[in-house]
């Protein structure tokens, strides 16, 4: 008996608002009702996105049924674009349909000059292979620190980045990047293609991202977004007088956010080593951030891009699953150097 993927033509095309219900059904079927991003599971929200937002959203369709989906989500606040949100019905997997779909998504994202930096997360070797087979190489420079919850577990996904090859930005190299020479991350950074220059780094402490909430106190101000399915918060902008104030602000976010926070991510601009050292040193309660990724060109400002270090804090006690990536994750994490606060005084 032939499988559906062998007997039914599969058409790859751009998603339209009329596909909203079919897209939601696909993610519900593929992920057993546990896909955490409502932008892919709520038909009304999907319809709004496809009407009002400029996502690169492509589908694989067979017999008018949505059997695959791939999305590139731009962030105009910093000129980046996340590629992913993959879903393909099992009976259509492994026959090239999703590879074609993924290629179309990447090509559409690359064609847009505003997408200066492209990135994605790999949950598994299959996902990593999809990124590595495209024309524009992805460079794996860290992990998300176990941000994503799947059921009762957390998963630690690889994060990979590349600059738009058709519209390459200028990346300003930091004077002393916290990366061990000869390490896996160092090797990935040296292999990156793009325009680089040297120069001063901006005064901003953290990379700018799209945010939903603002917290202010005597210690400063911090803007952040919440990803409630994973009980996670991501800092998008932060202003504080001292590294100790940065730490206090972030604890306030954990304690006062409108939803429970069990995972916190902050992208510290790479030359702000005093902030990195402060956050990675345990406090009196033993809480400390972990340096999980080095992200080249993650922050945009003044017509150029600047490197960042991704720090994460887990508060729920769950050890993230690495789904076959354990050795690679360890190599990525040990690629990063974190100074002690005393060494910077």
Protein backbone atom coordinates (compact mmCIF):
# COMPACT_ATOMS: atom_id res chain seq x y z
CA UNK A 1 0.00 0.00 0.00
CA UNK A 2 1.38 3.42 -0.89
CA UNK A 3 1.73 6.09 1.75
CA UNK A 4 -0.03 9.46 1.38
CA UNK A 5 3.30 11.13 0.66
CA UNK A 6 3.83 8.81 -2.31
CA UNK A 7 0.35 8.93 -3.80
CA UNK A 8 -0.78 12.50 -3.14
CA UNK A 9 0.87 15.55 -4.70
CA UNK A 10 2.18 17.98 -2.10
CA UNK A 11 2.07 21.68 -2.92
CA UNK A 12 4.27 24.20 -1.13
CA UNK A 13 2.77 27.68 -0.92
CA UNK A 14 2.43 30.75 1.26
CA UNK A 15 -0.15 30.57 4.05
CA UNK A 16 -3.33 32.67 3.85
CA UNK A 17 -5.93 33.59 6.49
CA UNK A 18 -8.20 30.89 5.04
CA UNK A 19 -5.66 28.29 6.23
CA UNK A 20 -5.98 29.22 9.91
CA UNK A 21 -8.10 26.27 11.00
CA UNK A 22 -5.99 23.79 9.04
CA UNK A 23 -2.78 25.16 10.55
CA UNK A 24 -4.14 24.87 14.09
CA UNK A 25 -5.29 21.31 13.42
CA UNK A 26 -1.82 20.41 12.10
CA UNK A 27 0.03 21.60 15.21
CA UNK A 28 -2.55 19.99 17.47
CA UNK A 29 -2.17 16.66 15.67
CA UNK A 30 1.62 16.68 15.40
CA UNK A 31 2.27 17.80 18.98
CA UNK A 32 -0.59 15.98 20.67
CA UNK A 33 -2.24 19.18 21.82
CA UNK A 34 0.90 20.36 23.66
CA UNK A 35 2.44 22.84 21.22
CA UNK A 36 3.21 25.85 23.44
CA UNK A 37 2.97 28.73 20.94
CA UNK A 38 -0.61 29.94 20.59
CA UNK A 39 0.30 31.76 17.37
CA UNK A 40 0.25 28.30 15.80
CA UNK A 41 -2.68 26.74 17.66
CA UNK A 42 -5.37 29.42 17.97
CA UNK A 43 -7.24 29.73 14.63
CA UNK A 44 -8.44 33.27 15.37
CA UNK A 45 -4.94 34.45 16.28
CA UNK A 46 -3.44 32.69 13.26
CA UNK A 47 -5.94 34.44 11.01
CA UNK A 48 -5.06 37.80 12.53
CA UNK A 49 -1.34 37.19 12.07
CA UNK A 50 -1.76 36.20 8.45
CA UNK A 51 -3.88 39.29 7.85
CA UNK A 52 -1.95 41.93 9.77
CA UNK A 53 1.66 40.76 10.22
CA UNK A 54 4.38 40.14 7.70
CA UNK A 55 5.52 36.65 8.65
CA UNK A 56 7.19 34.33 6.15
CA UNK A 57 4.71 31.50 6.70
CA UNK A 58 4.71 28.59 4.25
CA UNK A 59 2.64 25.44 4.12
CA UNK A 60 2.75 22.01 2.53
CA UNK A 61 -0.74 21.10 1.37
CA UNK A 62 -2.07 17.77 0.05
CA UNK A 63 -5.71 17.29 -1.00
CA UNK A 64 -6.50 20.68 0.58
CA UNK A 65 -5.17 19.44 3.93
CA UNK A 66 -2.32 21.30 5.64
CA UNK A 67 0.33 18.63 6.19
CA UNK A 68 3.36 20.81 6.96
CA UNK A 69 4.17 24.29 8.24
CA UNK A 70 7.28 26.45 8.60
CA UNK A 71 7.48 30.04 9.82
CA UNK A 72 9.99 32.88 9.90
CA UNK A 73 9.04 35.52 12.48
CA UNK A 74 10.67 38.95 12.11
CA UNK A 75 11.39 41.26 15.05
CA UNK A 76 11.49 44.83 13.77
CA UNK A 77 12.83 46.11 17.10
CA UNK A 78 16.26 44.65 16.37
CA UNK A 79 16.30 43.49 12.76
CA UNK A 80 16.35 39.77 13.52
CA UNK A 81 14.21 36.91 12.27
CA UNK A 82 13.53 33.55 13.94
CA UNK A 83 13.11 30.59 11.61
CA UNK A 84 11.33 27.51 12.87
CA UNK A 85 7.97 26.49 14.36
CA UNK A 86 8.19 23.34 12.30
CA UNK A 87 5.38 20.84 11.99
CA UNK A 88 4.82 18.01 9.52
CA UNK A 89 2.36 15.16 9.70
CA UNK A 90 4.27 11.92 10.40
CA UNK A 91 3.08 10.19 7.23
CA UNK A 92 4.64 13.00 5.17
CA UNK A 93 7.93 13.17 7.07
CA UNK A 94 11.14 11.96 5.48
CA UNK A 95 10.04 12.41 1.87
CA UNK A 96 11.44 15.87 1.18
CA UNK A 97 8.20 17.80 1.59
CA UNK A 98 9.32 19.65 4.68
CA UNK A 99 12.80 20.35 3.31
CA UNK A 100 11.18 22.08 0.35
CA UNK A 101 8.91 24.00 2.71
CA UNK A 102 11.79 25.03 4.96
CA UNK A 103 13.85 26.20 1.98
CA UNK A 104 10.98 28.43 0.82
CA UNK A 105 10.68 29.96 4.30
CA UNK A 106 14.40 30.70 4.51
CA UNK A 107 14.51 32.14 0.99
CA UNK A 108 11.64 34.49 1.75
CA UNK A 109 13.26 35.65 5.01
CA UNK A 110 16.64 36.22 3.34
CA UNK A 111 15.06 38.28 0.57
CA UNK A 112 14.00 40.90 3.12
CA UNK A 113 16.78 43.42 3.87
CA UNK A 114 15.30 44.26 7.27
CA UNK A 115 16.12 40.71 8.43
CA UNK A 116 19.80 41.35 9.14
CA UNK A 117 20.25 38.40 11.50
CA UNK A 118 18.60 35.00 11.08
CA UNK A 119 18.45 32.46 13.88
CA UNK A 120 16.73 29.28 14.91
CA UNK A 121 16.50 26.62 17.59
CA UNK A 122 17.19 22.93 17.03
CA UNK A 123 15.40 20.49 19.29
CA UNK A 124 16.84 17.38 17.66
CA UNK A 125 19.40 16.18 15.14
CA UNK A 126 16.71 16.20 12.46
CA UNK A 127 16.05 19.89 13.11
CA UNK A 128 19.78 20.63 13.14
CA UNK A 129 20.16 18.85 9.81
CA UNK A 130 17.42 20.97 8.25
CA UNK A 131 19.29 24.13 9.19
CA UNK A 132 22.66 22.79 8.08
CA UNK A 133 21.50 21.70 4.64
CA UNK A 134 20.33 25.15 3.53
CA UNK A 135 22.49 27.34 1.31
CA UNK A 136 23.27 29.79 4.11
CA UNK A 137 25.15 28.01 6.93
CA UNK A 138 23.88 28.29 10.48
CA UNK A 139 26.49 28.50 13.23
CA UNK A 140 25.62 26.83 16.53
CA UNK A 141 26.97 29.07 19.28
CA UNK A 142 25.06 27.96 22.36
CA UNK A 143 21.76 26.80 23.81
CA UNK A 144 18.59 28.30 25.23
CA UNK A 145 19.38 26.99 28.72
CA UNK A 146 16.30 24.78 28.87
CA UNK A 147 13.75 27.48 28.22
CA UNK A 148 11.13 25.30 26.55
CA UNK A 149 8.72 23.22 28.58
CA UNK A 150 7.22 20.19 26.90
CA UNK A 151 4.67 18.63 29.21
CA UNK A 152 6.26 18.34 32.64
CA UNK A 153 9.84 18.44 31.34
CA UNK A 154 12.16 21.13 30.06
CA UNK A 155 14.17 20.72 26.88
CA UNK A 156 17.45 22.42 26.07
CA UNK A 157 17.65 23.41 22.41
CA UNK A 158 20.64 24.51 20.35
CA UNK A 159 20.60 28.08 19.06
CA UNK A 160 22.17 28.88 15.71
CA UNK A 161 22.71 32.21 13.97
CA UNK A 162 23.74 33.57 10.59
CA UNK A 163 23.84 36.98 8.97
CA UNK A 164 21.68 37.73 5.97
CA UNK A 165 23.97 36.83 3.04
CA UNK A 166 22.10 39.05 0.60
CA UNK A 167 21.94 42.06 2.92
CA UNK A 168 24.89 41.62 5.30
CA UNK A 169 25.12 44.03 8.24
CA UNK A 170 28.31 45.28 9.87
CA UNK A 171 29.25 43.39 13.03
CA UNK A 172 31.42 45.24 15.55
CA UNK A 173 33.86 42.91 17.27
CA UNK A 174 34.25 43.32 21.05
CA UNK A 175 37.76 43.92 22.42
CA UNK A 176 37.88 40.84 24.67
CA UNK A 177 35.11 38.38 23.82
CA UNK A 178 34.44 35.89 26.65
CA UNK A 179 35.12 32.88 24.41
CA UNK A 180 37.95 30.37 24.86
CA UNK A 181 40.37 30.30 21.94
CA UNK A 182 40.10 27.02 20.05
CA UNK A 183 36.75 26.11 21.61
CA UNK A 184 33.68 24.99 19.69
CA UNK A 185 32.10 28.44 19.82
CA UNK A 186 35.38 30.05 18.74
CA UNK A 187 35.51 27.70 15.75
CA UNK A 188 31.93 28.57 14.79
CA UNK A 189 32.59 32.30 15.07
CA UNK A 190 35.69 32.11 12.89
CA UNK A 191 33.69 30.30 10.21
CA UNK A 192 31.03 33.01 10.01
CA UNK A 193 30.87 35.04 6.83
CA UNK A 194 30.05 38.73 7.02
CA UNK A 195 31.35 42.25 7.35
CA UNK A 196 33.22 43.01 10.57
CA UNK A 197 34.82 46.08 12.07
CA UNK A 198 36.23 47.26 15.38
CA UNK A 199 34.96 50.14 17.42
CA UNK A 200 33.38 51.18 20.70
CA UNK A 201 30.40 49.30 22.06
CA UNK A 202 27.12 51.02 22.99
CA UNK A 203 26.23 52.03 26.53
CA UNK A 204 23.23 49.68 26.58
CA UNK A 205 23.59 46.81 29.01
CA UNK A 206 21.36 44.36 27.17
CA UNK A 207 20.11 43.68 23.67
CA UNK A 208 16.86 45.29 22.64
CA UNK A 209 13.94 42.95 21.91
CA UNK A 210 10.19 43.31 21.54
CA UNK A 211 8.61 43.46 25.02
CA UNK A 212 5.17 43.44 26.65
CA UNK A 213 5.82 44.53 30.24
CA UNK A 214 7.76 47.28 32.03
CA UNK A 215 9.00 47.18 35.62
CA UNK A 216 10.54 50.19 37.37
CA UNK A 217 12.00 50.53 40.85
CA UNK A 218 14.73 52.36 42.73
CA UNK A 219 17.22 50.01 41.06
CA UNK A 220 16.29 50.98 37.49
CA UNK A 221 13.91 49.84 34.79
CA UNK A 222 13.51 46.61 32.85
CA UNK A 223 11.23 45.72 29.95
CA UNK A 224 10.46 42.08 29.29
CA UNK A 225 8.12 39.62 27.63
CA UNK A 226 6.51 36.50 29.03
CA UNK A 227 6.20 33.10 27.41
CA UNK A 228 3.61 31.70 29.77
CA UNK A 229 3.41 28.10 28.46
CA UNK A 230 7.05 27.66 29.51
CA UNK A 231 6.76 29.98 32.52
CA UNK A 232 9.60 31.96 31.01
CA UNK A 233 10.52 35.63 30.84
CA UNK A 234 12.88 37.26 28.34
CA UNK A 235 14.42 40.65 29.04
CA UNK A 236 14.22 43.06 26.12
CA UNK A 237 15.71 46.22 27.62
CA UNK A 238 17.34 47.09 30.93
CA UNK A 239 18.75 50.21 32.53
CA UNK A 240 20.47 50.18 35.92
CA UNK A 241 23.29 52.04 37.66
CA UNK A 242 25.41 49.10 38.83
CA UNK A 243 25.72 45.36 38.17
CA UNK A 244 24.22 44.75 41.61
CA UNK A 245 21.20 46.84 40.58
CA UNK A 246 20.84 44.69 37.47
CA UNK A 247 20.64 41.59 39.65
CA UNK A 248 18.08 43.18 41.98
CA UNK A 249 15.92 44.27 39.04
CA UNK A 250 15.87 40.76 37.62
CA UNK A 251 14.89 39.25 40.97
CA UNK A 252 12.06 41.78 41.10
CA UNK A 253 10.86 40.57 37.70
CA UNK A 254 10.83 37.00 39.01
CA UNK A 255 8.93 38.01 42.14
CA UNK A 256 6.50 40.55 40.66
CA UNK A 257 5.76 39.46 37.07
CA UNK A 258 2.03 38.98 36.35
CA UNK A 259 2.63 35.28 35.70
CA UNK A 260 4.88 32.72 37.34
CA UNK A 261 8.49 32.84 36.12
CA UNK A 262 10.59 29.67 36.31
CA UNK A 263 13.08 30.54 33.58
CA UNK A 264 14.64 33.94 32.86
CA UNK A 265 16.75 34.97 29.87
CA UNK A 266 18.81 38.12 29.46
CA UNK A 267 21.09 39.04 26.55
CA UNK A 268 24.00 41.03 27.99
CA UNK A 269 26.06 43.09 25.53
CA UNK A 270 29.39 41.28 25.26
CA UNK A 271 31.66 44.01 26.63
CA UNK A 272 29.64 44.38 29.86
CA UNK A 273 31.74 41.82 31.70
CA UNK A 274 31.01 43.26 35.14
CA UNK A 275 27.29 42.58 34.61
CA UNK A 276 27.99 39.06 33.34
CA UNK A 277 30.22 38.35 36.34
CA UNK A 278 27.66 39.68 38.82
CA UNK A 279 24.79 37.64 37.43
CA UNK A 280 26.78 34.41 37.15
CA UNK A 281 28.03 34.62 40.75
CA UNK A 282 25.69 32.87 43.25
CA UNK A 283 23.72 35.15 45.55
CA UNK A 284 23.03 34.40 49.23
CA UNK A 285 20.24 32.03 48.18
CA UNK A 286 22.53 30.20 45.77
CA UNK A 287 20.81 31.54 42.66
CA UNK A 288 23.07 32.22 39.68
CA UNK A 289 22.71 32.71 35.96
CA UNK A 290 24.49 30.44 33.48
CA UNK A 291 26.24 31.64 30.33
CA UNK A 292 24.56 29.49 27.67
CA UNK A 293 25.36 31.12 24.34
CA UNK A 294 27.54 33.65 22.60
CA UNK A 295 25.41 35.48 20.05
CA UNK A 296 27.30 37.42 17.37
CA UNK A 297 25.54 40.57 16.23
CA UNK A 298 22.54 40.00 18.49
CA UNK A 299 22.11 43.69 19.40
CA UNK A 300 21.46 46.33 16.75
CA UNK A 301 22.31 49.99 17.22
CA UNK A 302 23.75 52.96 15.32
CA UNK A 303 23.75 51.14 11.99
CA UNK A 304 25.77 48.15 13.19
CA UNK A 305 25.38 44.95 15.19
CA UNK A 306 27.06 44.03 18.47
CA UNK A 307 27.73 40.68 20.13
CA UNK A 308 25.91 39.49 23.25
CA UNK A 309 26.18 36.75 25.85
CA UNK A 310 22.97 34.89 26.61
CA UNK A 311 22.49 34.27 30.32
CA UNK A 312 19.71 32.10 31.70
CA UNK A 313 18.36 31.33 35.14
CA UNK A 314 16.30 28.24 35.98
CA UNK A 315 14.22 28.31 39.14
CA UNK A 316 12.07 25.17 38.90
CA UNK A 317 14.72 22.55 39.64
CA UNK A 318 14.08 20.62 36.42
CA UNK A 319 17.16 19.30 34.64
CA UNK A 320 16.56 19.97 30.94
CA UNK A 321 16.49 17.09 28.48
CA UNK A 322 19.12 17.43 25.76
CA UNK A 323 17.74 14.87 23.32
CA UNK A 324 21.08 13.53 22.14
CA UNK A 325 22.95 16.83 22.31
CA UNK A 326 24.67 16.35 25.68
CA UNK A 327 28.28 16.36 24.46
CA UNK A 328 27.68 19.28 22.11
CA UNK A 329 25.89 21.28 24.81
CA UNK A 330 28.75 20.75 27.24
CA UNK A 331 31.26 21.81 24.59
CA UNK A 332 29.27 24.95 23.84
CA UNK A 333 28.86 25.93 27.49
CA UNK A 334 32.53 25.37 28.34
CA UNK A 335 33.47 27.55 25.36
CA UNK A 336 32.40 30.60 27.34
CA UNK A 337 34.49 32.29 30.01
CA UNK A 338 32.87 34.11 32.91
CA UNK A 339 35.06 36.40 35.03
CA UNK A 340 34.58 36.53 38.78
CA UNK A 341 33.38 39.84 40.24
CA UNK A 342 36.60 40.09 42.28
CA UNK A 343 38.77 39.86 39.17
CA UNK A 344 37.14 42.97 37.74
CA UNK A 345 37.64 45.19 40.79
